[in-house]
Amino acid sequence: MSATSGDNIGAAGKPAVSASDAARTLIMHGNRLDSRDLFSAEREIIIVHGEEHYRLRLTSQNKLILTK
């Protein structure tokens, strides 16, 4: 699922999911996932872990920032 820097949050306080986001496929090699695949369309994604939502952002200096 991808999200833009603006809040793409639905009415229930959870990230809104579009049809194109739901159909996106990521390929894992063993336990590895290439960040280029994660950030192919956006510079920020939402990760849902249990009941919590985290934002993973790709900075202009090509670093990753994870925030709750």
PDB file of N, CA and C in Angstrom:
ATOM      1  N   MET A   1       0.850  -1.155   0.000  1.00  0.00           N
ATOM      2  CA  MET A   1       0.000   0.000   0.000  1.00  0.00           C
ATOM      3  C   MET A   1       0.896   1.218   0.000  1.00  0.00           C
ATOM      4  N   SER A   2       0.543   2.232  -0.732  1.00  0.00           N
ATOM      5  CA  SER A   2       1.338   3.441  -0.754  1.00  0.00           C
ATOM      6  C   SER A   2       0.488   4.621  -0.345  1.00  0.00           C
ATOM      7  N   ALA A   3       1.168   5.652   0.126  1.00  0.00           N
ATOM      8  CA  ALA A   3       0.487   6.874   0.539  1.00  0.00           C
ATOM      9  C   ALA A   3       1.370   8.050   0.187  1.00  0.00           C
ATOM     10  N   THR A   4       0.763   9.191  -0.026  1.00  0.00           N
ATOM     11  CA  THR A   4       1.532  10.393  -0.326  1.00  0.00           C
ATOM     12  C   THR A   4       1.905  11.073   0.971  1.00  0.00           C
ATOM     13  N   SER A   5       2.706  12.151   0.890  1.00  0.00           N
ATOM     14  CA  SER A   5       3.108  12.856   2.089  1.00  0.00           C
ATOM     15  C   SER A   5       1.931  13.471   2.811  1.00  0.00           C
ATOM     16  N   GLY A   6       0.870  13.824   2.082  1.00  0.00           N
ATOM     17  CA  GLY A   6      -0.336  14.320   2.728  1.00  0.00           C
ATOM     18  C   GLY A   6      -1.031  13.164   3.406  1.00  0.00           C
ATOM     19  N   ASP A   7      -1.918  13.463   4.321  1.00  0.00           N
ATOM     20  CA  ASP A   7      -2.619  12.395   5.026  1.00  0.00           C
ATOM     21  C   ASP A   7      -3.608  11.719   4.106  1.00  0.00           C
ATOM     22  N   ASN A   8      -3.410  10.445   3.877  1.00  0.00           N
ATOM     23  CA  ASN A   8      -4.297   9.624   3.067  1.00  0.00           C
ATOM     24  C   ASN A   8      -5.012   8.671   4.016  1.00  0.00           C
ATOM     25  N   ILE A   9      -5.669   9.247   5.033  1.00  0.00           N
ATOM     26  CA  ILE A   9      -6.290   8.466   6.088  1.00  0.00           C
ATOM     27  C   ILE A   9      -7.798   8.450   5.880  1.00  0.00           C
ATOM     28  N   GLY A  10      -8.389   7.268   6.008  1.00  0.00           N
ATOM     29  CA  GLY A  10      -9.829   7.105   5.839  1.00  0.00           C
ATOM     30  C   GLY A  10     -10.597   7.514   7.082  1.00  0.00           C
ATOM     31  N   ALA A  11     -11.907   7.373   7.034  1.00  0.00           N
ATOM     32  CA  ALA A  11     -12.796   7.802   8.109  1.00  0.00           C
ATOM     33  C   ALA A  11     -12.534   7.064   9.419  1.00  0.00           C
ATOM     34  N   ALA A  12     -12.083   5.839   9.373  1.00  0.00           N
ATOM     35  CA  ALA A  12     -11.854   5.051  10.586  1.00  0.00           C
ATOM     36  C   ALA A  12     -10.479   5.325  11.194  1.00  0.00           C
ATOM     37  N   GLY A  13      -9.753   6.333  10.663  1.00  0.00           N
ATOM     38  CA  GLY A  13      -8.426   6.633  11.173  1.00  0.00           C
ATOM     39  C   GLY A  13      -7.365   5.713  10.636  1.00  0.00           C
ATOM     40  N   LYS A  14      -7.705   4.936   9.634  1.00  0.00           N
ATOM     41  CA  LYS A  14      -6.758   4.010   9.023  1.00  0.00           C
ATOM     42  C   LYS A  14      -6.496   4.456   7.590  1.00  0.00           C
ATOM     43  N   PRO A  15      -5.341   4.115   7.038  1.00  0.00           N
ATOM     44  CA  PRO A  15      -5.009   4.541   5.678  1.00  0.00           C
ATOM     45  C   PRO A  15      -6.048   4.088   4.663  1.00  0.00           C
ATOM     46  N   ALA A  16      -6.415   5.010   3.773  1.00  0.00           N
ATOM     47  CA  ALA A  16      -7.341   4.674   2.690  1.00  0.00           C
ATOM     48  C   ALA A  16      -6.595   3.818   1.668  1.00  0.00           C
ATOM     49  N   VAL A  17      -7.275   2.844   1.089  1.00  0.00           N
ATOM     50  CA  VAL A  17      -6.665   1.945   0.117  1.00  0.00           C
ATOM     51  C   VAL A  17      -7.403   2.085  -1.198  1.00  0.00           C
ATOM     52  N   SER A  18      -6.657   2.395  -2.256  1.00  0.00           N
ATOM     53  CA  SER A  18      -7.274   2.473  -3.573  1.00  0.00           C
ATOM     54  C   SER A  18      -7.147   1.124  -4.265  1.00  0.00           C
ATOM     55  N   ALA A  19      -7.882   0.941  -5.340  1.00  0.00           N
ATOM     56  CA  ALA A  19      -7.841  -0.320  -6.076  1.00  0.00           C
ATOM     57  C   ALA A  19      -6.444  -0.596  -6.614  1.00  0.00           C
ATOM     58  N   SER A  20      -5.738   0.447  -7.082  1.00  0.00           N
ATOM     59  CA  SER A  20      -4.396   0.230  -7.624  1.00  0.00           C
ATOM     60  C   SER A  20      -3.427  -0.170  -6.529  1.00  0.00           C
ATOM     61  N   ASP A  21      -3.590   0.359  -5.300  1.00  0.00           N
ATOM     62  CA  ASP A  21      -2.722  -0.027  -4.193  1.00  0.00           C
ATOM     63  C   ASP A  21      -2.947  -1.491  -3.821  1.00  0.00           C
ATOM     64  N   ALA A  22      -4.185  -1.917  -3.789  1.00  0.00           N
ATOM     65  CA  ALA A  22      -4.510  -3.278  -3.391  1.00  0.00           C
ATOM     66  C   ALA A  22      -3.960  -4.293  -4.382  1.00  0.00           C
ATOM     67  N   ALA A  23      -3.798  -3.930  -5.640  1.00  0.00           N
ATOM     68  CA  ALA A  23      -3.359  -4.862  -6.669  1.00  0.00           C
ATOM     69  C   ALA A  23      -1.838  -4.896  -6.830  1.00  0.00           C
ATOM     70  N   ARG A  24      -1.119  -4.088  -6.102  1.00  0.00           N
ATOM     71  CA  ARG A  24       0.331  -3.998  -6.240  1.00  0.00           C
ATOM     72  C   ARG A  24       0.996  -5.262  -5.693  1.00  0.00           C
ATOM     73  N   THR A  25       2.003  -5.774  -6.405  1.00  0.00           N
ATOM     74  CA  THR A  25       2.721  -6.983  -6.007  1.00  0.00           C
ATOM     75  C   THR A  25       4.180  -6.654  -5.730  1.00  0.00           C
ATOM     76  N   LEU A  26       4.691  -7.165  -4.611  1.00  0.00           N
ATOM     77  CA  LEU A  26       6.097  -6.998  -4.269  1.00  0.00           C
ATOM     78  C   LEU A  26       6.756  -8.365  -4.268  1.00  0.00           C
ATOM     79  N   ILE A  27       7.981  -8.430  -4.768  1.00  0.00           N
ATOM     80  CA  ILE A  27       8.696  -9.699  -4.860  1.00  0.00           C
ATOM     81  C   ILE A  27       9.764  -9.752  -3.777  1.00  0.00           C
ATOM     82  N   MET A  28       9.732 -10.846  -3.010  1.00  0.00           N
ATOM     83  CA  MET A  28      10.740 -11.050  -1.976  1.00  0.00           C
ATOM     84  C   MET A  28      11.736 -12.109  -2.444  1.00  0.00           C
ATOM     85  N   HIS A  29      12.982 -11.897  -2.093  1.00  0.00           N
ATOM     86  CA  HIS A  29      14.052 -12.858  -2.377  1.00  0.00           C
ATOM     87  C   HIS A  29      14.512 -13.388  -1.025  1.00  0.00           C
ATOM     88  N   GLY A  30      14.006 -14.566  -0.645  1.00  0.00           N
ATOM     89  CA  GLY A  30      14.256 -15.070   0.706  1.00  0.00           C
ATOM     90  C   GLY A  30      13.520 -14.171   1.684  1.00  0.00           C
ATOM     91  N   ASN A  31      14.260 -13.558   2.607  1.00  0.00           N
ATOM     92  CA  ASN A  31      13.645 -12.627   3.547  1.00  0.00           C
ATOM     93  C   ASN A  31      13.960 -11.178   3.194  1.00  0.00           C
ATOM     94  N   ARG A  32      14.364 -10.925   1.943  1.00  0.00           N
ATOM     95  CA  ARG A  32      14.764  -9.585   1.504  1.00  0.00           C
ATOM     96  C   ARG A  32      13.731  -8.965   0.568  1.00  0.00           C
ATOM     97  N   LEU A  33      13.565  -7.667   0.723  1.00  0.00           N
ATOM     98  CA  LEU A  33      12.674  -6.881  -0.122  1.00  0.00           C
ATOM     99  C   LEU A  33      13.438  -5.631  -0.528  1.00  0.00           C
ATOM    100  N   ASP A  34      13.522  -5.346  -1.800  1.00  0.00           N
ATOM    101  CA  ASP A  34      14.264  -4.191  -2.293  1.00  0.00           C
ATOM    102  C   ASP A  34      13.457  -2.919  -2.055  1.00  0.00           C
ATOM    103  N   SER A  35      14.063  -1.920  -1.419  1.00  0.00           N
ATOM    104  CA  SER A  35      13.361  -0.671  -1.132  1.00  0.00           C
ATOM    105  C   SER A  35      12.923   0.049  -2.408  1.00  0.00           C
ATOM    106  N   ARG A  36      13.592  -0.195  -3.516  1.00  0.00           N
ATOM    107  CA  ARG A  36      13.166   0.417  -4.792  1.00  0.00           C
ATOM    108  C   ARG A  36      11.778  -0.065  -5.177  1.00  0.00           C
ATOM    109  N   ASP A  37      11.447  -1.315  -4.817  1.00  0.00           N
ATOM    110  CA  ASP A  37      10.107  -1.830  -5.083  1.00  0.00           C
ATOM    111  C   ASP A  37       9.081  -1.157  -4.177  1.00  0.00           C
ATOM    112  N   LEU A  38       9.447  -0.923  -2.925  1.00  0.00           N
ATOM    113  CA  LEU A  38       8.533  -0.264  -1.985  1.00  0.00           C
ATOM    114  C   LEU A  38       8.234   1.177  -2.400  1.00  0.00           C
ATOM    115  N   PHE A  39       9.267   1.886  -2.848  1.00  0.00           N
ATOM    116  CA  PHE A  39       9.130   3.302  -3.156  1.00  0.00           C
ATOM    117  C   PHE A  39       9.087   3.586  -4.659  1.00  0.00           C
ATOM    118  N   SER A  40       8.606   2.629  -5.441  1.00  0.00           N
ATOM    119  CA  SER A  40       8.571   2.822  -6.893  1.00  0.00           C
ATOM    120  C   SER A  40       7.594   3.912  -7.320  1.00  0.00           C
ATOM    121  N   ALA A  41       6.512   4.113  -6.565  1.00  0.00           N
ATOM    122  CA  ALA A  41       5.504   5.098  -6.948  1.00  0.00           C
ATOM    123  C   ALA A  41       5.457   6.298  -6.006  1.00  0.00           C
ATOM    124  N   GLU A  42       5.816   6.115  -4.756  1.00  0.00           N
ATOM    125  CA  GLU A  42       5.715   7.163  -3.742  1.00  0.00           C
ATOM    126  C   GLU A  42       6.988   7.201  -2.907  1.00  0.00           C
ATOM    127  N   ARG A  43       7.146   8.254  -2.121  1.00  0.00           N
ATOM    128  CA  ARG A  43       8.296   8.386  -1.222  1.00  0.00           C
ATOM    129  C   ARG A  43       7.918   8.066   0.220  1.00  0.00           C
ATOM    130  N   GLU A  44       6.683   7.636   0.421  1.00  0.00           N
ATOM    131  CA  GLU A  44       6.216   7.293   1.759  1.00  0.00           C
ATOM    132  C   GLU A  44       5.214   6.156   1.680  1.00  0.00           C
ATOM    133  N   ILE A  45       5.323   5.205   2.611  1.00  0.00           N
ATOM    134  CA  ILE A  45       4.354   4.112   2.679  1.00  0.00           C
ATOM    135  C   ILE A  45       3.870   3.978   4.121  1.00  0.00           C
ATOM    136  N   ILE A  46       2.717   3.376   4.297  1.00  0.00           N
ATOM    137  CA  ILE A  46       2.158   3.109   5.612  1.00  0.00           C
ATOM    138  C   ILE A  46       2.314   1.616   5.886  1.00  0.00           C
ATOM    139  N   ILE A  47       2.853   1.291   7.074  1.00  0.00           N
ATOM    140  CA  ILE A  47       2.993  -0.098   7.494  1.00  0.00           C
ATOM    141  C   ILE A  47       2.041  -0.324   8.660  1.00  0.00           C
ATOM    142  N   VAL A  48       1.192  -1.337   8.556  1.00  0.00           N
ATOM    143  CA  VAL A  48       0.269  -1.676   9.626  1.00  0.00           C
ATOM    144  C   VAL A  48       0.849  -2.862  10.384  1.00  0.00           C
ATOM    145  N   HIS A  49       1.030  -2.682  11.684  1.00  0.00           N
ATOM    146  CA  HIS A  49       1.583  -3.730  12.554  1.00  0.00           C
ATOM    147  C   HIS A  49       0.628  -3.873  13.727  1.00  0.00           C
ATOM    148  N   GLY A  50      -0.185  -4.921  13.698  1.00  0.00           N
ATOM    149  CA  GLY A  50      -1.227  -5.071  14.720  1.00  0.00           C
ATOM    150  C   GLY A  50      -2.231  -3.933  14.577  1.00  0.00           C
ATOM    151  N   GLU A  51      -2.429  -3.192  15.633  1.00  0.00           N
ATOM    152  CA  GLU A  51      -3.348  -2.054  15.622  1.00  0.00           C
ATOM    153  C   GLU A  51      -2.635  -0.733  15.332  1.00  0.00           C
ATOM    154  N   GLU A  52      -1.317  -0.764  15.199  1.00  0.00           N
ATOM    155  CA  GLU A  52      -0.528   0.454  15.017  1.00  0.00           C
ATOM    156  C   GLU A  52      -0.231   0.712  13.543  1.00  0.00           C
ATOM    157  N   HIS A  53      -0.117   2.000  13.199  1.00  0.00           N
ATOM    158  CA  HIS A  53       0.235   2.421  11.843  1.00  0.00           C
ATOM    159  C   HIS A  53       1.546   3.194  11.896  1.00  0.00           C
ATOM    160  N   TYR A  54       2.475   2.826  11.021  1.00  0.00           N
ATOM    161  CA  TYR A  54       3.778   3.472  10.955  1.00  0.00           C
ATOM    162  C   TYR A  54       3.974   4.041   9.562  1.00  0.00           C
ATOM    163  N   ARG A  55       4.704   5.153   9.481  1.00  0.00           N
ATOM    164  CA  ARG A  55       5.051   5.753   8.184  1.00  0.00           C
ATOM    165  C   ARG A  55       6.531   5.501   7.916  1.00  0.00           C
ATOM    166  N   LEU A  56       6.821   4.932   6.761  1.00  0.00           N
ATOM    167  CA  LEU A  56       8.199   4.728   6.327  1.00  0.00           C
ATOM    168  C   LEU A  56       8.437   5.679   5.169  1.00  0.00           C
ATOM    169  N   ARG A  57       9.365   6.628   5.376  1.00  0.00           N
ATOM    170  CA  ARG A  57       9.624   7.656   4.368  1.00  0.00           C
ATOM    171  C   ARG A  57      11.031   7.544   3.809  1.00  0.00           C
ATOM    172  N   LEU A  58      11.155   7.877   2.550  1.00  0.00           N
ATOM    173  CA  LEU A  58      12.443   7.947   1.870  1.00  0.00           C
ATOM    174  C   LEU A  58      12.820   9.425   1.773  1.00  0.00           C
ATOM    175  N   THR A  59      13.953   9.809   2.376  1.00  0.00           N
ATOM    176  CA  THR A  59      14.344  11.215   2.408  1.00  0.00           C
ATOM    177  C   THR A  59      15.035  11.631   1.113  1.00  0.00           C
ATOM    178  N   SER A  60      15.263  12.928   0.991  1.00  0.00           N
ATOM    179  CA  SER A  60      15.958  13.453  -0.189  1.00  0.00           C
ATOM    180  C   SER A  60      17.408  12.985  -0.229  1.00  0.00           C
ATOM    181  N   GLN A  61      17.953  12.560   0.934  1.00  0.00           N
ATOM    182  CA  GLN A  61      19.313  12.036   0.988  1.00  0.00           C
ATOM    183  C   GLN A  61      19.350  10.521   0.880  1.00  0.00           C
ATOM    184  N   ASN A  62      18.200   9.932   0.443  1.00  0.00           N
ATOM    185  CA  ASN A  62      18.067   8.490   0.209  1.00  0.00           C
ATOM    186  C   ASN A  62      18.217   7.668   1.493  1.00  0.00           C
ATOM    187  N   LYS A  63      17.718   8.226   2.611  1.00  0.00           N
ATOM    188  CA  LYS A  63      17.719   7.492   3.872  1.00  0.00           C
ATOM    189  C   LYS A  63      16.276   7.165   4.228  1.00  0.00           C
ATOM    190  N   LEU A  64      16.100   6.181   5.124  1.00  0.00           N
ATOM    191  CA  LEU A  64      14.770   5.770   5.550  1.00  0.00           C
ATOM    192  C   LEU A  64      14.471   6.296   6.943  1.00  0.00           C
ATOM    193  N   ILE A  65      13.239   6.792   7.134  1.00  0.00           N
ATOM    194  CA  ILE A  65      12.779   7.232   8.451  1.00  0.00           C
ATOM    195  C   ILE A  65      11.466   6.527   8.738  1.00  0.00           C
ATOM    196  N   LEU A  66      11.405   5.837   9.885  1.00  0.00           N
ATOM    197  CA  LEU A  66      10.203   5.149  10.323  1.00  0.00           C
ATOM    198  C   LEU A  66       9.642   5.895  11.526  1.00  0.00           C
ATOM    199  N   THR A  67       8.384   6.343  11.433  1.00  0.00           N
ATOM    200  CA  THR A  67       7.740   7.042  12.537  1.00  0.00           C
ATOM    201  C   THR A  67       6.400   6.411  12.839  1.00  0.00           C
ATOM    202  N   LYS A  68       5.987   6.519  14.098  1.00  0.00           N
ATOM    203  CA  LYS A  68       4.715   5.972  14.543  1.00  0.00           C
ATOM    204  C   LYS A  68       3.638   7.026  14.413  1.00  0.00           C
TER     205      LYS A  68
END
